[in-house]
Amino acid sequence: MTATLTRSALLDEAYRLADEGRHVFWLGRSKRPVANCPDCKNSSHDPAACACLTCHGFYRANRDHDRIRDMFRTVPNGTLAIRTGAPSGIVVLDVDLGNGGDVADLIRRWNIPPTAWVRTGSGGYHVHVAHPGGYLPCSQSRIGQGVDVRGDGGYAVAPPSVHPRTGRPYVWVERGPLAEMPPALVEACQPPPAVVLPAGGATPSTTSSGDIKRPDRLLAAHLAAVDRAPSGRRRVVLYGSARGVARMVAAGAISAADAVAALTDAGRRAEQTERDIRRAIEGGFHAEGVPL
């Protein structure tokens, strides 16, 4: 009976979130997107235009009750998630207490007004705020230690889903209107300004001592390589770019947190899974002997 009630509550919550303007979808029990079907896995096509019911992760998020129900029946033991970013009008600030996050410090530091927030199944917090418009990228520890930003190109688990490791549910602590993001917080969430690469796509040179003359251009070149990679090579290119960016970290040209955030954004643009992105980055840094 408990399982039945839990599943019914999940579907009811999915409908409610959709009616509130959130685009929702279902993850597997492990909090990862459902695997693509063979046709989608082995071909390159626009994930947003794909007609498959559950392929391509958050691209399947929607507000249609019938489609949400069909997805739920296809993934009966799945986890409810919200697509963050402009489609849902929401940004989620994910506070990981085990990684040094402090929700009270986050709210005080950025002067976040009262808003909706969630106690996660792992004991952390999701602070929900209104999307400011434009493009606001996902990032890791950019705005504070142990705080990940789930913006455009991201997603967040929603109550009353159950955490696969702890067995504890995600719970609304406060549910109501979303607060506007303070301008200083919006600015802090943005990556360094994009730069134009030299003509011909050449990468910047370094001095004989190894000091990097133009770290912004070098970083942009590494990320552009991921953006240009063909579908069958994106994971390998991301790994190679991670090695190059790791060398920048070793040279003191960029912080490890900013490097990981930039590479993660590039991996998401290249439609890689969160697991593959993490492995590519960790593998690249390990190969260069650079700690994360």
C-alpha atoms as a PDB file:
ATOM      1  CA  MET A   1       0.000   0.000   0.000  1.00  0.00           C
ATOM      2  CA  THR A   2       2.828   2.409   0.830  1.00  0.00           C
ATOM      3  CA  ALA A   3       4.424   1.940  -2.590  1.00  0.00           C
ATOM      4  CA  THR A   4       1.077   2.555  -4.269  1.00  0.00           C
ATOM      5  CA  LEU A   5       0.508   5.710  -2.267  1.00  0.00           C
ATOM      6  CA  THR A   6       4.034   6.911  -3.040  1.00  0.00           C
ATOM      7  CA  ARG A   7       3.630   6.355  -6.772  1.00  0.00           C
ATOM      8  CA  SER A   8       0.252   8.099  -6.733  1.00  0.00           C
ATOM      9  CA  ALA A   9       1.792  11.022  -4.849  1.00  0.00           C
ATOM     10  CA  LEU A  10       4.591  11.282  -7.402  1.00  0.00           C
ATOM     11  CA  LEU A  11       2.181  11.488 -10.309  1.00  0.00           C
ATOM     12  CA  ASP A  12      -0.060  13.979  -8.494  1.00  0.00           C
ATOM     13  CA  GLU A  13       2.957  16.150  -7.759  1.00  0.00           C
ATOM     14  CA  ALA A  14       4.094  15.949 -11.385  1.00  0.00           C
ATOM     15  CA  TYR A  15       0.687  17.255 -12.486  1.00  0.00           C
ATOM     16  CA  ARG A  16       0.790  20.022  -9.895  1.00  0.00           C
ATOM     17  CA  LEU A  17       4.261  21.159 -10.917  1.00  0.00           C
ATOM     18  CA  ALA A  18       3.197  21.158 -14.566  1.00  0.00           C
ATOM     19  CA  ASP A  19       0.202  23.323 -13.706  1.00  0.00           C
ATOM     20  CA  GLU A  20       2.581  25.704 -11.910  1.00  0.00           C
ATOM     21  CA  GLY A  21       4.548  26.105 -15.135  1.00  0.00           C
ATOM     22  CA  ARG A  22       7.344  23.602 -14.518  1.00  0.00           C
ATOM     23  CA  HIS A  23       8.422  21.197 -17.234  1.00  0.00           C
ATOM     24  CA  VAL A  24       8.764  17.766 -15.639  1.00  0.00           C
ATOM     25  CA  PHE A  25      10.081  14.351 -16.644  1.00  0.00           C
ATOM     26  CA  TRP A  26      11.145  11.053 -15.103  1.00  0.00           C
ATOM     27  CA  LEU A  27      14.646   9.895 -14.269  1.00  0.00           C
ATOM     28  CA  GLY A  28      15.632   6.324 -13.478  1.00  0.00           C
ATOM     29  CA  ARG A  29      15.862   5.232  -9.848  1.00  0.00           C
ATOM     30  CA  SER A  30      19.528   6.258  -9.830  1.00  0.00           C
ATOM     31  CA  LYS A  31      18.635   9.931 -10.507  1.00  0.00           C
ATOM     32  CA  ARG A  32      20.112   9.629 -14.004  1.00  0.00           C
ATOM     33  CA  PRO A  33      18.229  10.074 -17.279  1.00  0.00           C
ATOM     34  CA  VAL A  34      16.556   7.046 -18.760  1.00  0.00           C
ATOM     35  CA  ALA A  35      18.752   5.394 -21.393  1.00  0.00           C
ATOM     36  CA  ASN A  36      18.044   6.342 -25.001  1.00  0.00           C
ATOM     37  CA  CYS A  37      16.435   3.798 -27.292  1.00  0.00           C
ATOM     38  CA  PRO A  38      18.773   2.086 -29.841  1.00  0.00           C
ATOM     39  CA  ASP A  39      17.740   4.419 -32.680  1.00  0.00           C
ATOM     40  CA  CYS A  40      18.490   7.530 -30.615  1.00  0.00           C
ATOM     41  CA  LYS A  41      21.649   6.053 -29.126  1.00  0.00           C
ATOM     42  CA  ASN A  42      23.147   5.198 -32.486  1.00  0.00           C
ATOM     43  CA  SER A  43      22.131   8.237 -34.507  1.00  0.00           C
ATOM     44  CA  SER A  44      22.693  11.963 -34.400  1.00  0.00           C
ATOM     45  CA  HIS A  45      19.555  14.092 -34.409  1.00  0.00           C
ATOM     46  CA  ASP A  46      18.024  17.060 -32.675  1.00  0.00           C
ATOM     47  CA  PRO A  47      17.121  15.858 -29.148  1.00  0.00           C
ATOM     48  CA  ALA A  48      14.559  18.614 -28.722  1.00  0.00           C
ATOM     49  CA  ALA A  49      12.691  17.495 -31.853  1.00  0.00           C
ATOM     50  CA  CYS A  50      12.821  13.760 -31.102  1.00  0.00           C
ATOM     51  CA  ALA A  51       9.386  12.156 -30.707  1.00  0.00           C
ATOM     52  CA  CYS A  52      10.504   9.378 -28.345  1.00  0.00           C
ATOM     53  CA  LEU A  53       8.744   9.330 -24.998  1.00  0.00           C
ATOM     54  CA  THR A  54      11.703   9.162 -22.618  1.00  0.00           C
ATOM     55  CA  CYS A  55      14.907   9.576 -24.668  1.00  0.00           C
ATOM     56  CA  HIS A  56      17.313  12.528 -24.267  1.00  0.00           C
ATOM     57  CA  GLY A  57      16.734  13.273 -20.603  1.00  0.00           C
ATOM     58  CA  PHE A  58      15.415  16.729 -19.795  1.00  0.00           C
ATOM     59  CA  TYR A  59      14.547  17.398 -23.449  1.00  0.00           C
ATOM     60  CA  ARG A  60      11.486  15.232 -22.803  1.00  0.00           C
ATOM     61  CA  ALA A  61      10.290  17.451 -19.966  1.00  0.00           C
ATOM     62  CA  ASN A  62       6.845  18.868 -20.625  1.00  0.00           C
ATOM     63  CA  ARG A  63       3.609  20.077 -19.012  1.00  0.00           C
ATOM     64  CA  ASP A  64       1.104  17.821 -20.778  1.00  0.00           C
ATOM     65  CA  HIS A  65      -0.717  15.602 -18.259  1.00  0.00           C
ATOM     66  CA  ASP A  66      -1.302  12.753 -20.716  1.00  0.00           C
ATOM     67  CA  ARG A  67       2.336  12.634 -21.773  1.00  0.00           C
ATOM     68  CA  ILE A  68       3.525  12.879 -18.170  1.00  0.00           C
ATOM     69  CA  ARG A  69       1.285   9.941 -17.283  1.00  0.00           C
ATOM     70  CA  ASP A  70       2.583   7.898 -20.233  1.00  0.00           C
ATOM     71  CA  MET A  71       6.167   8.601 -19.224  1.00  0.00           C
ATOM     72  CA  PHE A  72       5.344   7.583 -15.673  1.00  0.00           C
ATOM     73  CA  ARG A  73       3.875   4.273 -16.837  1.00  0.00           C
ATOM     74  CA  THR A  74       6.990   3.630 -18.933  1.00  0.00           C
ATOM     75  CA  VAL A  75       9.306   4.347 -15.971  1.00  0.00           C
ATOM     76  CA  PRO A  76       7.106   3.136 -13.078  1.00  0.00           C
ATOM     77  CA  ASN A  77       9.902   3.195 -10.507  1.00  0.00           C
ATOM     78  CA  GLY A  78      11.396   6.441 -11.734  1.00  0.00           C
ATOM     79  CA  THR A  79      12.290   9.668  -9.999  1.00  0.00           C
ATOM     80  CA  LEU A  80      10.396  12.907 -10.614  1.00  0.00           C
ATOM     81  CA  ALA A  81      12.536  15.778 -11.890  1.00  0.00           C
ATOM     82  CA  ILE A  82      12.095  19.366 -13.020  1.00  0.00           C
ATOM     83  CA  ARG A  83      13.878  20.734 -16.058  1.00  0.00           C
ATOM     84  CA  THR A  84      15.517  23.895 -14.802  1.00  0.00           C
ATOM     85  CA  GLY A  85      16.209  27.030 -16.811  1.00  0.00           C
ATOM     86  CA  ALA A  86      14.065  29.228 -19.025  1.00  0.00           C
ATOM     87  CA  PRO A  87      11.499  26.549 -20.066  1.00  0.00           C
ATOM     88  CA  SER A  88      10.359  26.142 -16.451  1.00  0.00           C
ATOM     89  CA  GLY A  89      11.197  29.676 -15.349  1.00  0.00           C
ATOM     90  CA  ILE A  90      13.238  28.332 -12.459  1.00  0.00           C
ATOM     91  CA  VAL A  91      16.805  28.117 -11.180  1.00  0.00           C
ATOM     92  CA  VAL A  92      17.668  25.668  -8.396  1.00  0.00           C
ATOM     93  CA  LEU A  93      20.558  26.381  -6.041  1.00  0.00           C
ATOM     94  CA  ASP A  94      21.700  22.937  -4.877  1.00  0.00           C
ATOM     95  CA  VAL A  95      23.371  23.132  -1.465  1.00  0.00           C
ATOM     96  CA  ASP A  96      25.486  20.069  -0.605  1.00  0.00           C
ATOM     97  CA  LEU A  97      26.251  20.132   3.124  1.00  0.00           C
ATOM     98  CA  GLY A  98      28.758  17.294   2.768  1.00  0.00           C
ATOM     99  CA  ASN A  99      30.800  19.391   0.352  1.00  0.00           C
ATOM    100  CA  GLY A 100      30.911  22.506   2.519  1.00  0.00           C
ATOM    101  CA  GLY A 101      27.602  24.078   1.497  1.00  0.00           C
ATOM    102  CA  ASP A 102      25.742  26.273   3.975  1.00  0.00           C
ATOM    103  CA  VAL A 103      22.191  27.275   3.082  1.00  0.00           C
ATOM    104  CA  ALA A 104      22.010  30.055   5.682  1.00  0.00           C
ATOM    105  CA  ASP A 105      25.268  31.544   4.416  1.00  0.00           C
ATOM    106  CA  LEU A 106      24.032  31.295   0.815  1.00  0.00           C
ATOM    107  CA  ILE A 107      20.838  33.200   1.589  1.00  0.00           C
ATOM    108  CA  ARG A 108      22.631  35.809   3.677  1.00  0.00           C
ATOM    109  CA  ARG A 109      25.551  36.286   1.290  1.00  0.00           C
ATOM    110  CA  TRP A 110      23.376  36.855  -1.783  1.00  0.00           C
ATOM    111  CA  ASN A 111      20.437  38.476   0.014  1.00  0.00           C
ATOM    112  CA  ILE A 112      17.921  35.968  -1.365  1.00  0.00           C
ATOM    113  CA  PRO A 113      14.331  36.890  -0.402  1.00  0.00           C
ATOM    114  CA  PRO A 114      11.936  34.286   1.051  1.00  0.00           C
ATOM    115  CA  THR A 115      11.280  31.643  -1.587  1.00  0.00           C
ATOM    116  CA  ALA A 116      10.425  27.974  -2.124  1.00  0.00           C
ATOM    117  CA  TRP A 117      12.952  25.416  -0.965  1.00  0.00           C
ATOM    118  CA  VAL A 118      13.339  21.678  -0.525  1.00  0.00           C
ATOM    119  CA  ARG A 119      15.124  19.392   1.926  1.00  0.00           C
ATOM    120  CA  THR A 120      16.828  16.789  -0.255  1.00  0.00           C
ATOM    121  CA  GLY A 121      16.969  13.078   0.398  1.00  0.00           C
ATOM    122  CA  SER A 122      20.693  13.333   1.097  1.00  0.00           C
ATOM    123  CA  GLY A 123      20.220  16.039   3.734  1.00  0.00           C
ATOM    124  CA  GLY A 124      21.056  19.090   1.629  1.00  0.00           C
ATOM    125  CA  TYR A 125      18.786  21.802   0.257  1.00  0.00           C
ATOM    126  CA  HIS A 126      17.394  22.980  -3.057  1.00  0.00           C
ATOM    127  CA  VAL A 127      16.636  26.700  -3.036  1.00  0.00           C
ATOM    128  CA  HIS A 128      14.202  27.538  -5.852  1.00  0.00           C
ATOM    129  CA  VAL A 129      14.362  31.022  -7.398  1.00  0.00           C
ATOM    130  CA  ALA A 130      12.872  32.581 -10.512  1.00  0.00           C
ATOM    131  CA  HIS A 131      14.841  32.398 -13.732  1.00  0.00           C
ATOM    132  CA  PRO A 132      16.075  35.921 -14.568  1.00  0.00           C
ATOM    133  CA  GLY A 133      15.679  35.622 -18.347  1.00  0.00           C
ATOM    134  CA  GLY A 134      18.362  35.265 -20.959  1.00  0.00           C
ATOM    135  CA  TYR A 135      20.827  32.426 -20.469  1.00  0.00           C
ATOM    136  CA  LEU A 136      21.918  31.329 -17.012  1.00  0.00           C
ATOM    137  CA  PRO A 137      24.283  28.325 -17.128  1.00  0.00           C
ATOM    138  CA  CYS A 138      24.648  25.450 -14.728  1.00  0.00           C
ATOM    139  CA  SER A 139      27.796  25.610 -12.617  1.00  0.00           C
ATOM    140  CA  GLN A 140      29.584  23.955  -9.714  1.00  0.00           C
ATOM    141  CA  SER A 141      30.782  25.955  -6.700  1.00  0.00           C
ATOM    142  CA  ARG A 142      30.892  29.158  -8.758  1.00  0.00           C
ATOM    143  CA  ILE A 143      28.754  31.109  -6.290  1.00  0.00           C
ATOM    144  CA  GLY A 144      29.954  29.375  -3.146  1.00  0.00           C
ATOM    145  CA  GLN A 145      31.555  26.250  -1.744  1.00  0.00           C
ATOM    146  CA  GLY A 146      29.254  23.257  -2.063  1.00  0.00           C
ATOM    147  CA  VAL A 147      26.621  25.132  -4.085  1.00  0.00           C
ATOM    148  CA  ASP A 148      25.743  23.985  -7.592  1.00  0.00           C
ATOM    149  CA  VAL A 149      23.554  26.109  -9.840  1.00  0.00           C
ATOM    150  CA  ARG A 150      20.957  24.223 -11.870  1.00  0.00           C
ATOM    151  CA  GLY A 151      19.998  26.637 -14.633  1.00  0.00           C
ATOM    152  CA  ASP A 152      19.662  26.270 -18.398  1.00  0.00           C
ATOM    153  CA  GLY A 153      20.656  22.779 -19.500  1.00  0.00           C
ATOM    154  CA  GLY A 154      20.043  21.216 -16.096  1.00  0.00           C
ATOM    155  CA  TYR A 155      17.496  19.516 -13.897  1.00  0.00           C
ATOM    156  CA  ALA A 156      16.704  18.915 -10.239  1.00  0.00           C
ATOM    157  CA  VAL A 157      14.947  16.078  -8.431  1.00  0.00           C
ATOM    158  CA  ALA A 158      11.548  17.066  -7.036  1.00  0.00           C
ATOM    159  CA  PRO A 159       9.594  15.937  -3.965  1.00  0.00           C
ATOM    160  CA  PRO A 160       8.303  13.442  -3.023  1.00  0.00           C
ATOM    161  CA  SER A 161      10.962  11.411  -4.854  1.00  0.00           C
ATOM    162  CA  VAL A 162      13.097   9.135  -2.704  1.00  0.00           C
ATOM    163  CA  HIS A 163      16.881   9.345  -2.697  1.00  0.00           C
ATOM    164  CA  PRO A 164      18.287   6.058  -4.060  1.00  0.00           C
ATOM    165  CA  ARG A 165      21.120   5.861  -1.531  1.00  0.00           C
ATOM    166  CA  THR A 166      19.549   7.088   1.707  1.00  0.00           C
ATOM    167  CA  GLY A 167      15.968   5.979   1.121  1.00  0.00           C
ATOM    168  CA  ARG A 168      14.768   9.348   2.402  1.00  0.00           C
ATOM    169  CA  PRO A 169      12.273  11.481   0.465  1.00  0.00           C
ATOM    170  CA  TYR A 170      12.751  14.980  -0.872  1.00  0.00           C
ATOM    171  CA  VAL A 171      10.417  17.247   1.112  1.00  0.00           C
ATOM    172  CA  TRP A 172       9.095  20.751   0.609  1.00  0.00           C
ATOM    173  CA  VAL A 173      10.233  22.961   3.487  1.00  0.00           C
ATOM    174  CA  GLU A 174       8.524  26.017   2.045  1.00  0.00           C
ATOM    175  CA  ARG A 175       6.325  26.115  -1.011  1.00  0.00           C
ATOM    176  CA  GLY A 176       5.182  29.365  -2.529  1.00  0.00           C
ATOM    177  CA  PRO A 177       6.081  32.052  -5.069  1.00  0.00           C
ATOM    178  CA  LEU A 178       9.638  32.029  -6.353  1.00  0.00           C
ATOM    179  CA  ALA A 179      11.844  34.920  -5.310  1.00  0.00           C
ATOM    180  CA  GLU A 180      13.598  36.986  -7.959  1.00  0.00           C
ATOM    181  CA  MET A 181      17.339  36.444  -8.150  1.00  0.00           C
ATOM    182  CA  PRO A 182      19.221  39.494  -6.852  1.00  0.00           C
ATOM    183  CA  PRO A 183      21.237  41.149  -9.660  1.00  0.00           C
ATOM    184  CA  ALA A 184      24.544  40.411  -7.915  1.00  0.00           C
ATOM    185  CA  LEU A 185      23.670  36.724  -7.807  1.00  0.00           C
ATOM    186  CA  VAL A 186      22.688  36.662 -11.474  1.00  0.00           C
ATOM    187  CA  GLU A 187      26.013  38.266 -12.369  1.00  0.00           C
ATOM    188  CA  ALA A 188      27.953  35.854 -10.168  1.00  0.00           C
ATOM    189  CA  CYS A 189      26.350  32.884 -11.933  1.00  0.00           C
ATOM    190  CA  GLN A 190      27.702  33.947 -15.307  1.00  0.00           C
ATOM    191  CA  PRO A 191      30.993  32.544 -16.637  1.00  0.00           C
ATOM    192  CA  PRO A 192      33.822  34.850 -17.739  1.00  0.00           C
ATOM    193  CA  PRO A 193      32.927  36.802 -20.892  1.00  0.00           C
ATOM    194  CA  ALA A 194      33.287  34.850 -24.100  1.00  0.00           C
ATOM    195  CA  VAL A 195      36.211  35.815 -26.293  1.00  0.00           C
ATOM    196  CA  VAL A 196      36.735  35.679 -30.047  1.00  0.00           C
ATOM    197  CA  LEU A 197      39.392  33.182 -31.111  1.00  0.00           C
ATOM    198  CA  PRO A 198      42.199  34.347 -33.380  1.00  0.00           C
ATOM    199  CA  ALA A 199      41.626  34.077 -37.120  1.00  0.00           C
ATOM    200  CA  GLY A 200      42.009  30.543 -38.409  1.00  0.00           C
ATOM    201  CA  GLY A 201      41.171  29.012 -35.045  1.00  0.00           C
ATOM    202  CA  ALA A 202      44.737  29.171 -33.767  1.00  0.00           C
ATOM    203  CA  THR A 203      45.180  28.746 -30.058  1.00  0.00           C
ATOM    204  CA  PRO A 204      47.134  31.252 -27.986  1.00  0.00           C
ATOM    205  CA  SER A 205      50.797  30.705 -27.412  1.00  0.00           C
ATOM    206  CA  THR A 206      52.543  30.315 -24.085  1.00  0.00           C
ATOM    207  CA  THR A 207      55.829  31.716 -22.909  1.00  0.00           C
ATOM    208  CA  SER A 208      58.904  29.555 -22.635  1.00  0.00           C
ATOM    209  CA  SER A 209      58.410  29.418 -18.880  1.00  0.00           C
ATOM    210  CA  GLY A 210      54.966  27.879 -19.335  1.00  0.00           C
ATOM    211  CA  ASP A 211      53.038  30.953 -18.195  1.00  0.00           C
ATOM    212  CA  ILE A 212      49.871  31.332 -20.248  1.00  0.00           C
ATOM    213  CA  LYS A 213      49.596  34.703 -21.963  1.00  0.00           C
ATOM    214  CA  ARG A 214      45.849  34.638 -22.727  1.00  0.00           C
ATOM    215  CA  PRO A 215      44.064  32.109 -20.499  1.00  0.00           C
ATOM    216  CA  ASP A 216      40.633  33.337 -21.624  1.00  0.00           C
ATOM    217  CA  ARG A 217      41.386  32.532 -25.253  1.00  0.00           C
ATOM    218  CA  LEU A 218      43.022  29.227 -24.435  1.00  0.00           C
ATOM    219  CA  LEU A 219      40.019  28.145 -22.360  1.00  0.00           C
ATOM    220  CA  ALA A 220      37.657  29.239 -25.134  1.00  0.00           C
ATOM    221  CA  ALA A 221      39.662  27.184 -27.639  1.00  0.00           C
ATOM    222  CA  HIS A 222      39.410  24.051 -25.504  1.00  0.00           C
ATOM    223  CA  LEU A 223      35.659  24.496 -25.048  1.00  0.00           C
ATOM    224  CA  ALA A 224      35.123  25.293 -28.729  1.00  0.00           C
ATOM    225  CA  ALA A 225      36.748  21.973 -29.612  1.00  0.00           C
ATOM    226  CA  VAL A 226      34.010  20.190 -27.652  1.00  0.00           C
ATOM    227  CA  ASP A 227      31.317  22.282 -29.319  1.00  0.00           C
ATOM    228  CA  ARG A 228      32.652  21.384 -32.779  1.00  0.00           C
ATOM    229  CA  ALA A 229      33.151  17.672 -32.126  1.00  0.00           C
ATOM    230  CA  PRO A 230      31.013  15.241 -34.180  1.00  0.00           C
ATOM    231  CA  SER A 231      28.493  13.172 -32.228  1.00  0.00           C
ATOM    232  CA  GLY A 232      30.613  10.030 -32.134  1.00  0.00           C
ATOM    233  CA  ARG A 233      33.685  11.863 -30.811  1.00  0.00           C
ATOM    234  CA  ARG A 234      32.288  14.250 -28.230  1.00  0.00           C
ATOM    235  CA  ARG A 235      33.194  12.222 -25.169  1.00  0.00           C
ATOM    236  CA  VAL A 236      36.772  11.698 -26.364  1.00  0.00           C
ATOM    237  CA  VAL A 237      37.166  15.370 -27.267  1.00  0.00           C
ATOM    238  CA  LEU A 238      35.780  16.396 -23.870  1.00  0.00           C
ATOM    239  CA  TYR A 239      38.419  14.206 -22.220  1.00  0.00           C
ATOM    240  CA  GLY A 240      41.146  15.794 -24.336  1.00  0.00           C
ATOM    241  CA  SER A 241      39.894  19.276 -23.534  1.00  0.00           C
ATOM    242  CA  ALA A 242      39.814  18.374 -19.843  1.00  0.00           C
ATOM    243  CA  ARG A 243      43.502  17.472 -20.039  1.00  0.00           C
ATOM    244  CA  GLY A 244      44.279  20.824 -21.631  1.00  0.00           C
ATOM    245  CA  VAL A 245      42.237  22.740 -19.069  1.00  0.00           C
ATOM    246  CA  ALA A 246      43.854  20.724 -16.278  1.00  0.00           C
ATOM    247  CA  ARG A 247      47.226  22.035 -17.452  1.00  0.00           C
ATOM    248  CA  MET A 248      45.803  25.544 -17.168  1.00  0.00           C
ATOM    249  CA  VAL A 249      44.796  24.796 -13.573  1.00  0.00           C
ATOM    250  CA  ALA A 250      48.279  23.495 -12.861  1.00  0.00           C
ATOM    251  CA  ALA A 251      49.719  26.742 -14.253  1.00  0.00           C
ATOM    252  CA  GLY A 252      47.451  28.818 -12.026  1.00  0.00           C
ATOM    253  CA  ALA A 253      45.605  30.320 -15.004  1.00  0.00           C
ATOM    254  CA  ILE A 254      42.155  29.195 -13.807  1.00  0.00           C
ATOM    255  CA  SER A 255      40.732  27.739 -10.614  1.00  0.00           C
ATOM    256  CA  ALA A 256      39.768  24.084 -10.503  1.00  0.00           C
ATOM    257  CA  ALA A 257      36.154  25.012  -9.663  1.00  0.00           C
ATOM    258  CA  ASP A 258      35.823  27.326 -12.670  1.00  0.00           C
ATOM    259  CA  ALA A 259      37.532  24.762 -14.893  1.00  0.00           C
ATOM    260  CA  VAL A 260      35.125  22.002 -13.887  1.00  0.00           C
ATOM    261  CA  ALA A 261      32.134  24.322 -14.304  1.00  0.00           C
ATOM    262  CA  ALA A 262      33.204  25.366 -17.811  1.00  0.00           C
ATOM    263  CA  LEU A 263      33.908  21.794 -18.907  1.00  0.00           C
ATOM    264  CA  THR A 264      30.626  20.578 -17.430  1.00  0.00           C
ATOM    265  CA  ASP A 265      28.699  23.230 -19.363  1.00  0.00           C
ATOM    266  CA  ALA A 266      30.503  22.167 -22.551  1.00  0.00           C
ATOM    267  CA  GLY A 267      29.694  18.514 -21.906  1.00  0.00           C
ATOM    268  CA  ARG A 268      26.021  19.313 -21.404  1.00  0.00           C
ATOM    269  CA  ARG A 269      25.931  21.314 -24.631  1.00  0.00           C
ATOM    270  CA  ALA A 270      27.426  18.230 -26.298  1.00  0.00           C
ATOM    271  CA  GLU A 271      24.535  16.158 -24.865  1.00  0.00           C
ATOM    272  CA  GLN A 272      26.720  13.935 -22.704  1.00  0.00           C
ATOM    273  CA  THR A 273      25.317  12.322 -19.574  1.00  0.00           C
ATOM    274  CA  GLU A 274      26.279  13.733 -16.189  1.00  0.00           C
ATOM    275  CA  ARG A 275      28.171  10.517 -15.466  1.00  0.00           C
ATOM    276  CA  ASP A 276      30.177  10.640 -18.697  1.00  0.00           C
ATOM    277  CA  ILE A 277      30.939  14.332 -18.194  1.00  0.00           C
ATOM    278  CA  ARG A 278      32.239  13.698 -14.702  1.00  0.00           C
ATOM    279  CA  ARG A 279      34.337  10.737 -15.834  1.00  0.00           C
ATOM    280  CA  ALA A 280      35.844  12.672 -18.743  1.00  0.00           C
ATOM    281  CA  ILE A 281      36.801  15.590 -16.511  1.00  0.00           C
ATOM    282  CA  GLU A 282      38.149  13.441 -13.689  1.00  0.00           C
ATOM    283  CA  GLY A 283      40.048  11.269 -16.180  1.00  0.00           C
ATOM    284  CA  GLY A 284      41.609  14.271 -17.892  1.00  0.00           C
ATOM    285  CA  PHE A 285      42.727  15.844 -14.625  1.00  0.00           C
ATOM    286  CA  HIS A 286      44.067  12.513 -13.336  1.00  0.00           C
ATOM    287  CA  ALA A 287      46.062  11.980 -16.542  1.00  0.00           C
ATOM    288  CA  GLU A 288      47.727  15.366 -16.016  1.00  0.00           C
ATOM    289  CA  GLY A 289      48.339  14.712 -12.331  1.00  0.00           C
ATOM    290  CA  VAL A 290      46.128  17.640 -11.304  1.00  0.00           C
ATOM    291  CA  PRO A 291      43.971  17.064  -8.191  1.00  0.00           C
ATOM    292  CA  LEU A 292      40.311  18.029  -8.139  1.00  0.00           C
END
